[in-house]
Amino acid sequence: MKFDVQHIAKLAMLKFTDEEAAEFEKEFESIVGMVENLPEIDSKGALLDPSNQMELREDVVVPSMPRNELLSNVPHLVAGCVVVPKTVE
């Protein structure tokens, strides 16, 4: 399977040299090949075991990064919102 790495890079607003694009294309092909070779999973109850219930952790509020620090490197900001170019036509 061939990948248009330069097109993917353009959508992600990245720039690659031809050598880097060739390397990424090989990596993409390797990843897709690996995923295609994954075995099929039998979904007849194999994924959930009612006798072994999951224990969920308690939700805890923790401090996060300040908003102004998160938005400090944004190239285009309007009214506190990140403005990005349209990528889907």
Protein backbone atom coordinates (compact mmCIF):
# COMPACT_ATOMS: atom_id res chain seq x y z
CA MET A 1 0.00 0.00 0.00
CA LYS A 2 1.38 3.40 -0.96
CA PHE A 3 1.01 6.51 1.19
CA ASP A 4 1.20 10.10 0.02
CA VAL A 5 3.35 11.26 2.93
CA GLN A 6 3.69 14.80 1.58
CA HIS A 7 -0.14 15.11 1.46
CA ILE A 8 -0.43 13.79 5.03
CA ALA A 9 2.30 16.22 6.10
CA LYS A 10 0.47 19.10 4.43
CA LEU A 11 -2.75 18.23 6.29
CA ALA A 12 -0.78 18.11 9.55
CA MET A 13 1.00 21.36 8.63
CA LEU A 14 4.41 19.61 8.67
CA LYS A 15 7.28 19.83 6.22
CA PHE A 16 9.44 16.82 5.37
CA THR A 17 12.42 16.46 3.11
CA ASP A 18 12.17 13.79 0.43
CA GLU A 19 14.42 11.52 2.51
CA GLU A 20 12.22 11.94 5.59
CA ALA A 21 9.08 11.33 3.52
CA ALA A 22 10.55 8.09 2.14
CA GLU A 23 11.40 6.96 5.68
CA PHE A 24 7.89 7.76 6.96
CA GLU A 25 6.33 5.93 4.00
CA LYS A 26 8.28 2.78 4.95
CA GLU A 27 7.16 3.15 8.57
CA PHE A 28 3.49 3.62 7.56
CA GLU A 29 3.67 0.51 5.36
CA SER A 30 5.21 -1.45 8.24
CA ILE A 31 2.50 -0.35 10.69
CA VAL A 32 -0.36 -1.12 8.30
CA GLY A 33 1.19 -4.51 7.50
CA MET A 34 1.42 -5.33 11.20
CA VAL A 35 -2.23 -4.34 11.81
CA GLU A 36 -3.40 -6.38 8.82
CA ASN A 37 -1.69 -9.46 10.28
CA LEU A 38 -3.33 -9.22 13.71
CA PRO A 39 -5.38 -12.33 14.49
CA GLU A 40 -9.14 -12.14 14.53
CA ILE A 41 -10.61 -11.92 18.05
CA ASP A 42 -13.49 -14.23 18.96
CA SER A 43 -16.04 -11.87 20.46
CA LYS A 44 -18.35 -14.52 21.98
CA GLY A 45 -17.88 -13.43 25.58
CA ALA A 46 -14.10 -13.64 25.46
CA LEU A 47 -13.64 -9.96 26.14
CA LEU A 48 -15.78 -9.62 29.29
CA ASP A 49 -15.92 -11.94 32.26
CA PRO A 50 -18.90 -11.22 34.55
CA SER A 51 -17.21 -13.01 37.46
CA ASN A 52 -14.19 -10.67 37.27
CA GLN A 53 -15.59 -7.17 37.68
CA MET A 54 -13.33 -4.18 37.15
CA GLU A 55 -12.56 -1.90 40.04
CA LEU A 56 -12.69 1.70 38.91
CA ARG A 57 -10.52 4.32 40.49
CA GLU A 58 -11.95 7.34 42.24
CA ASP A 59 -12.13 10.51 40.13
CA VAL A 60 -9.80 13.10 41.61
CA VAL A 61 -9.55 16.70 40.50
CA VAL A 62 -5.93 17.75 40.06
CA PRO A 63 -4.52 21.12 39.01
CA SER A 64 -3.75 21.46 35.31
CA MET A 65 -1.70 23.81 33.17
CA PRO A 66 -2.86 27.47 33.18
CA ARG A 67 -4.89 28.39 30.07
CA ASN A 68 -2.67 31.34 29.12
CA GLU A 69 0.39 29.09 29.21
CA LEU A 70 -1.33 26.49 27.01
CA LEU A 71 -2.29 29.13 24.45
CA SER A 72 1.07 30.94 24.45
CA ASN A 73 2.36 29.15 21.30
CA VAL A 74 -0.88 29.24 19.29
CA PRO A 75 -0.27 30.91 15.91
CA HIS A 76 -3.81 32.36 15.54
CA LEU A 77 -6.10 33.02 18.49
CA VAL A 78 -9.51 34.76 18.36
CA ALA A 79 -11.57 35.41 21.51
CA GLY A 80 -9.71 32.69 23.39
CA CYS A 81 -10.27 30.10 20.65
CA VAL A 82 -7.65 28.49 18.43
CA VAL A 83 -8.27 29.24 14.74
CA VAL A 84 -7.09 26.52 12.36
CA PRO A 85 -7.19 26.28 8.58
CA LYS A 86 -9.98 24.30 6.95
CA THR A 87 -8.69 20.82 6.01
CA VAL A 88 -11.88 19.15 4.75
CA GLU A 89 -13.60 20.35 1.63
